[in-house]
């Protein structure tokens, strides 16, 4: 057997894995809203659900599946009061990305704004209950300037 690298091609050390209800619809949403590309999809035992899928977002992957709690899998955020986790994504245009995601059903929870740390930043919740922060880096901010700006905000 040939030796392989410990990190599969196209992957990074950390990869978000999202559990959803209706993975087929989630894949369509992520393609339409964020411009992802589907890398692979493995159907579940019944052929109706998705056991595992991988999407490419720029240079990163996102994995996802339908909820399979009966098989010991994770539950979708709807089984709880939402998800405490946020997936952070850098994009070339925060405003355009947020507008496109909203047009396909995402709920904007924080509109795009210029932030003291140098990013144009927004937050949204996708139709499947996952939180996303969307950012475009605009400028490098020295740590002291960032700390001063934060102190002013906290007053």
C-alpha atoms as a PDB file:
ATOM      1  CA  UNK A   1       0.000   0.000   0.000  1.00  0.00           C
ATOM      2  CA  UNK A   2       1.330   3.444  -0.893  1.00  0.00           C
ATOM      3  CA  UNK A   3       2.071   5.855   1.922  1.00  0.00           C
ATOM      4  CA  UNK A   4      -0.255   8.870   2.014  1.00  0.00           C
ATOM      5  CA  UNK A   5       0.043  12.256   3.640  1.00  0.00           C
ATOM      6  CA  UNK A   6      -1.663  12.553   7.034  1.00  0.00           C
ATOM      7  CA  UNK A   7      -3.737  15.476   5.684  1.00  0.00           C
ATOM      8  CA  UNK A   8      -5.969  14.655   2.697  1.00  0.00           C
ATOM      9  CA  UNK A   9      -5.545  16.893  -0.366  1.00  0.00           C
ATOM     10  CA  UNK A  10      -7.810  19.969  -0.308  1.00  0.00           C
ATOM     11  CA  UNK A  11      -8.188  19.925   3.476  1.00  0.00           C
ATOM     12  CA  UNK A  12      -6.815  22.058   6.303  1.00  0.00           C
ATOM     13  CA  UNK A  13      -6.105  21.052   9.884  1.00  0.00           C
ATOM     14  CA  UNK A  14      -9.511  22.343  11.091  1.00  0.00           C
ATOM     15  CA  UNK A  15     -12.682  21.668   9.126  1.00  0.00           C
ATOM     16  CA  UNK A  16     -16.201  22.604  10.268  1.00  0.00           C
ATOM     17  CA  UNK A  17     -18.646  19.691  10.209  1.00  0.00           C
ATOM     18  CA  UNK A  18     -22.277  20.851  10.158  1.00  0.00           C
ATOM     19  CA  UNK A  19     -25.239  18.656  11.050  1.00  0.00           C
ATOM     20  CA  UNK A  20     -28.535  19.750   9.513  1.00  0.00           C
ATOM     21  CA  UNK A  21     -32.062  18.639   8.847  1.00  0.00           C
ATOM     22  CA  UNK A  22     -32.362  18.328   5.032  1.00  0.00           C
ATOM     23  CA  UNK A  23     -28.742  18.198   3.895  1.00  0.00           C
ATOM     24  CA  UNK A  24     -29.775  18.247   0.219  1.00  0.00           C
ATOM     25  CA  UNK A  25     -31.415  21.662   0.742  1.00  0.00           C
ATOM     26  CA  UNK A  26     -28.443  22.840   2.832  1.00  0.00           C
ATOM     27  CA  UNK A  27     -26.011  21.912   0.060  1.00  0.00           C
ATOM     28  CA  UNK A  28     -28.146  23.866  -2.425  1.00  0.00           C
ATOM     29  CA  UNK A  29     -28.245  26.866  -0.036  1.00  0.00           C
ATOM     30  CA  UNK A  30     -24.457  26.912   0.484  1.00  0.00           C
ATOM     31  CA  UNK A  31     -23.866  26.660  -3.262  1.00  0.00           C
ATOM     32  CA  UNK A  32     -26.296  29.499  -4.018  1.00  0.00           C
ATOM     33  CA  UNK A  33     -25.577  31.750  -1.042  1.00  0.00           C
ATOM     34  CA  UNK A  34     -21.820  31.312  -0.632  1.00  0.00           C
ATOM     35  CA  UNK A  35     -20.715  30.022  -4.023  1.00  0.00           C
ATOM     36  CA  UNK A  36     -19.422  26.721  -2.656  1.00  0.00           C
ATOM     37  CA  UNK A  37     -18.689  23.783  -4.897  1.00  0.00           C
ATOM     38  CA  UNK A  38     -19.823  20.278  -4.049  1.00  0.00           C
ATOM     39  CA  UNK A  39     -16.825  17.950  -3.781  1.00  0.00           C
ATOM     40  CA  UNK A  40     -18.647  14.764  -2.834  1.00  0.00           C
ATOM     41  CA  UNK A  41     -21.903  13.387  -1.443  1.00  0.00           C
ATOM     42  CA  UNK A  42     -22.554   9.992   0.151  1.00  0.00           C
ATOM     43  CA  UNK A  43     -26.217   9.021   0.471  1.00  0.00           C
ATOM     44  CA  UNK A  44     -27.511   7.501   3.686  1.00  0.00           C
ATOM     45  CA  UNK A  45     -28.852   3.949   3.981  1.00  0.00           C
ATOM     46  CA  UNK A  46     -32.350   4.961   2.846  1.00  0.00           C
ATOM     47  CA  UNK A  47     -31.087   7.082  -0.067  1.00  0.00           C
ATOM     48  CA  UNK A  48     -33.162  10.015   1.192  1.00  0.00           C
ATOM     49  CA  UNK A  49     -30.713  11.501   3.669  1.00  0.00           C
ATOM     50  CA  UNK A  50     -27.092  12.500   3.160  1.00  0.00           C
ATOM     51  CA  UNK A  51     -24.644  10.522   5.297  1.00  0.00           C
ATOM     52  CA  UNK A  52     -21.676  12.759   4.429  1.00  0.00           C
ATOM     53  CA  UNK A  53     -20.912  15.589   2.013  1.00  0.00           C
ATOM     54  CA  UNK A  54     -17.993  17.899   1.415  1.00  0.00           C
ATOM     55  CA  UNK A  55     -18.132  21.421   0.011  1.00  0.00           C
ATOM     56  CA  UNK A  56     -15.259  23.611  -1.119  1.00  0.00           C
ATOM     57  CA  UNK A  57     -15.331  27.281  -0.036  1.00  0.00           C
ATOM     58  CA  UNK A  58     -12.343  29.062  -1.503  1.00  0.00           C
ATOM     59  CA  UNK A  59      -9.325  27.202  -0.116  1.00  0.00           C
ATOM     60  CA  UNK A  60     -11.311  25.457   2.655  1.00  0.00           C
ATOM     61  CA  UNK A  61     -13.713  22.577   3.059  1.00  0.00           C
ATOM     62  CA  UNK A  62     -16.932  22.280   5.013  1.00  0.00           C
ATOM     63  CA  UNK A  63     -18.325  18.846   5.763  1.00  0.00           C
ATOM     64  CA  UNK A  64     -21.974  18.213   6.513  1.00  0.00           C
ATOM     65  CA  UNK A  65     -24.602  15.551   6.947  1.00  0.00           C
ATOM     66  CA  UNK A  66     -28.186  15.055   7.862  1.00  0.00           C
ATOM     67  CA  UNK A  67     -28.887  14.397  11.525  1.00  0.00           C
ATOM     68  CA  UNK A  68     -28.708  10.697  12.393  1.00  0.00           C
ATOM     69  CA  UNK A  69     -29.292  10.684  16.173  1.00  0.00           C
ATOM     70  CA  UNK A  70     -30.647   7.130  15.928  1.00  0.00           C
ATOM     71  CA  UNK A  71     -27.157   6.069  14.781  1.00  0.00           C
ATOM     72  CA  UNK A  72     -25.337   8.032  17.497  1.00  0.00           C
ATOM     73  CA  UNK A  73     -24.729  11.032  15.229  1.00  0.00           C
ATOM     74  CA  UNK A  74     -24.984  14.696  16.077  1.00  0.00           C
ATOM     75  CA  UNK A  75     -28.277  16.544  16.182  1.00  0.00           C
ATOM     76  CA  UNK A  76     -29.124  19.595  14.107  1.00  0.00           C
ATOM     77  CA  UNK A  77     -29.319  22.994  15.883  1.00  0.00           C
ATOM     78  CA  UNK A  78     -33.135  22.793  15.694  1.00  0.00           C
ATOM     79  CA  UNK A  79     -33.011  19.970  18.270  1.00  0.00           C
ATOM     80  CA  UNK A  80     -31.688  22.558  20.734  1.00  0.00           C
ATOM     81  CA  UNK A  81     -32.177  26.295  21.044  1.00  0.00           C
ATOM     82  CA  UNK A  82     -29.775  26.861  18.142  1.00  0.00           C
ATOM     83  CA  UNK A  83     -26.042  26.451  17.859  1.00  0.00           C
ATOM     84  CA  UNK A  84     -23.486  28.125  20.138  1.00  0.00           C
ATOM     85  CA  UNK A  85     -20.863  27.778  17.375  1.00  0.00           C
ATOM     86  CA  UNK A  86     -20.147  30.338  14.660  1.00  0.00           C
ATOM     87  CA  UNK A  87     -18.357  29.514  11.406  1.00  0.00           C
ATOM     88  CA  UNK A  88     -16.184  32.468  10.385  1.00  0.00           C
ATOM     89  CA  UNK A  89     -15.653  33.073   6.674  1.00  0.00           C
ATOM     90  CA  UNK A  90     -13.448  35.660   4.965  1.00  0.00           C
ATOM     91  CA  UNK A  91     -14.785  36.874   1.624  1.00  0.00           C
ATOM     92  CA  UNK A  92     -13.853  39.503  -0.942  1.00  0.00           C
ATOM     93  CA  UNK A  93     -17.097  41.487  -0.380  1.00  0.00           C
ATOM     94  CA  UNK A  94     -18.966  41.176   2.929  1.00  0.00           C
ATOM     95  CA  UNK A  95     -21.946  43.236   1.820  1.00  0.00           C
ATOM     96  CA  UNK A  96     -22.514  41.257  -1.383  1.00  0.00           C
ATOM     97  CA  UNK A  97     -22.095  37.907   0.385  1.00  0.00           C
ATOM     98  CA  UNK A  98     -24.533  38.836   3.147  1.00  0.00           C
ATOM     99  CA  UNK A  99     -27.079  40.169   0.636  1.00  0.00           C
ATOM    100  CA  UNK A 100     -26.837  36.983  -1.439  1.00  0.00           C
ATOM    101  CA  UNK A 101     -27.191  34.748   1.655  1.00  0.00           C
ATOM    102  CA  UNK A 102     -30.197  36.772   2.827  1.00  0.00           C
ATOM    103  CA  UNK A 103     -31.807  36.454  -0.613  1.00  0.00           C
ATOM    104  CA  UNK A 104     -31.563  32.665  -0.279  1.00  0.00           C
ATOM    105  CA  UNK A 105     -33.080  32.548   3.220  1.00  0.00           C
ATOM    106  CA  UNK A 106     -30.395  33.472   5.753  1.00  0.00           C
ATOM    107  CA  UNK A 107     -31.382  35.800   8.615  1.00  0.00           C
ATOM    108  CA  UNK A 108     -28.998  38.718   9.139  1.00  0.00           C
ATOM    109  CA  UNK A 109     -28.347  38.994  12.881  1.00  0.00           C
ATOM    110  CA  UNK A 110     -25.770  41.791  12.608  1.00  0.00           C
ATOM    111  CA  UNK A 111     -25.660  43.953   9.460  1.00  0.00           C
ATOM    112  CA  UNK A 112     -22.320  44.663   7.769  1.00  0.00           C
ATOM    113  CA  UNK A 113     -20.248  47.348   9.493  1.00  0.00           C
ATOM    114  CA  UNK A 114     -16.627  48.475   9.658  1.00  0.00           C
ATOM    115  CA  UNK A 115     -15.061  47.150  12.857  1.00  0.00           C
ATOM    116  CA  UNK A 116     -12.299  48.517  15.057  1.00  0.00           C
ATOM    117  CA  UNK A 117     -10.124  45.463  14.377  1.00  0.00           C
ATOM    118  CA  UNK A 118      -9.957  46.310  10.663  1.00  0.00           C
ATOM    119  CA  UNK A 119     -12.612  44.064   9.107  1.00  0.00           C
ATOM    120  CA  UNK A 120     -15.926  44.762   7.403  1.00  0.00           C
ATOM    121  CA  UNK A 121     -17.979  42.305   9.451  1.00  0.00           C
ATOM    122  CA  UNK A 122     -21.497  40.862   9.658  1.00  0.00           C
ATOM    123  CA  UNK A 123     -23.317  37.914  11.221  1.00  0.00           C
ATOM    124  CA  UNK A 124     -26.120  35.725   9.934  1.00  0.00           C
ATOM    125  CA  UNK A 125     -27.970  32.516  10.721  1.00  0.00           C
ATOM    126  CA  UNK A 126     -28.481  30.156   7.823  1.00  0.00           C
ATOM    127  CA  UNK A 127     -31.868  28.467   7.248  1.00  0.00           C
ATOM    128  CA  UNK A 128     -30.535  25.326   8.977  1.00  0.00           C
ATOM    129  CA  UNK A 129     -29.701  27.041  12.291  1.00  0.00           C
ATOM    130  CA  UNK A 130     -25.950  27.533  11.871  1.00  0.00           C
ATOM    131  CA  UNK A 131     -24.350  30.881  12.695  1.00  0.00           C
ATOM    132  CA  UNK A 132     -21.887  32.490  10.295  1.00  0.00           C
ATOM    133  CA  UNK A 133     -19.702  35.552  10.639  1.00  0.00           C
ATOM    134  CA  UNK A 134     -18.692  37.082   7.332  1.00  0.00           C
ATOM    135  CA  UNK A 135     -15.694  39.399   7.035  1.00  0.00           C
ATOM    136  CA  UNK A 136     -13.554  41.270   4.560  1.00  0.00           C
ATOM    137  CA  UNK A 137     -10.196  42.351   5.949  1.00  0.00           C
ATOM    138  CA  UNK A 138      -9.747  46.041   5.149  1.00  0.00           C
ATOM    139  CA  UNK A 139      -6.695  47.086   7.118  1.00  0.00           C
ATOM    140  CA  UNK A 140      -4.142  45.825   9.618  1.00  0.00           C
ATOM    141  CA  UNK A 141      -4.708  47.472  12.991  1.00  0.00           C
ATOM    142  CA  UNK A 142      -1.842  47.709  15.503  1.00  0.00           C
ATOM    143  CA  UNK A 143      -2.665  45.953  18.814  1.00  0.00           C
ATOM    144  CA  UNK A 144      -2.545  49.196  20.832  1.00  0.00           C
ATOM    145  CA  UNK A 145      -4.936  50.971  18.456  1.00  0.00           C
ATOM    146  CA  UNK A 146      -7.274  47.980  18.664  1.00  0.00           C
ATOM    147  CA  UNK A 147      -7.143  47.988  22.486  1.00  0.00           C
ATOM    148  CA  UNK A 148      -7.788  51.752  22.602  1.00  0.00           C
ATOM    149  CA  UNK A 149     -10.766  51.420  20.261  1.00  0.00           C
ATOM    150  CA  UNK A 150     -12.216  48.604  22.354  1.00  0.00           C
ATOM    151  CA  UNK A 151     -11.849  50.644  25.551  1.00  0.00           C
ATOM    152  CA  UNK A 152     -13.745  53.528  23.913  1.00  0.00           C
ATOM    153  CA  UNK A 153     -16.553  51.170  22.929  1.00  0.00           C
ATOM    154  CA  UNK A 154     -16.797  49.739  26.439  1.00  0.00           C
ATOM    155  CA  UNK A 155     -17.345  53.134  28.083  1.00  0.00           C
END
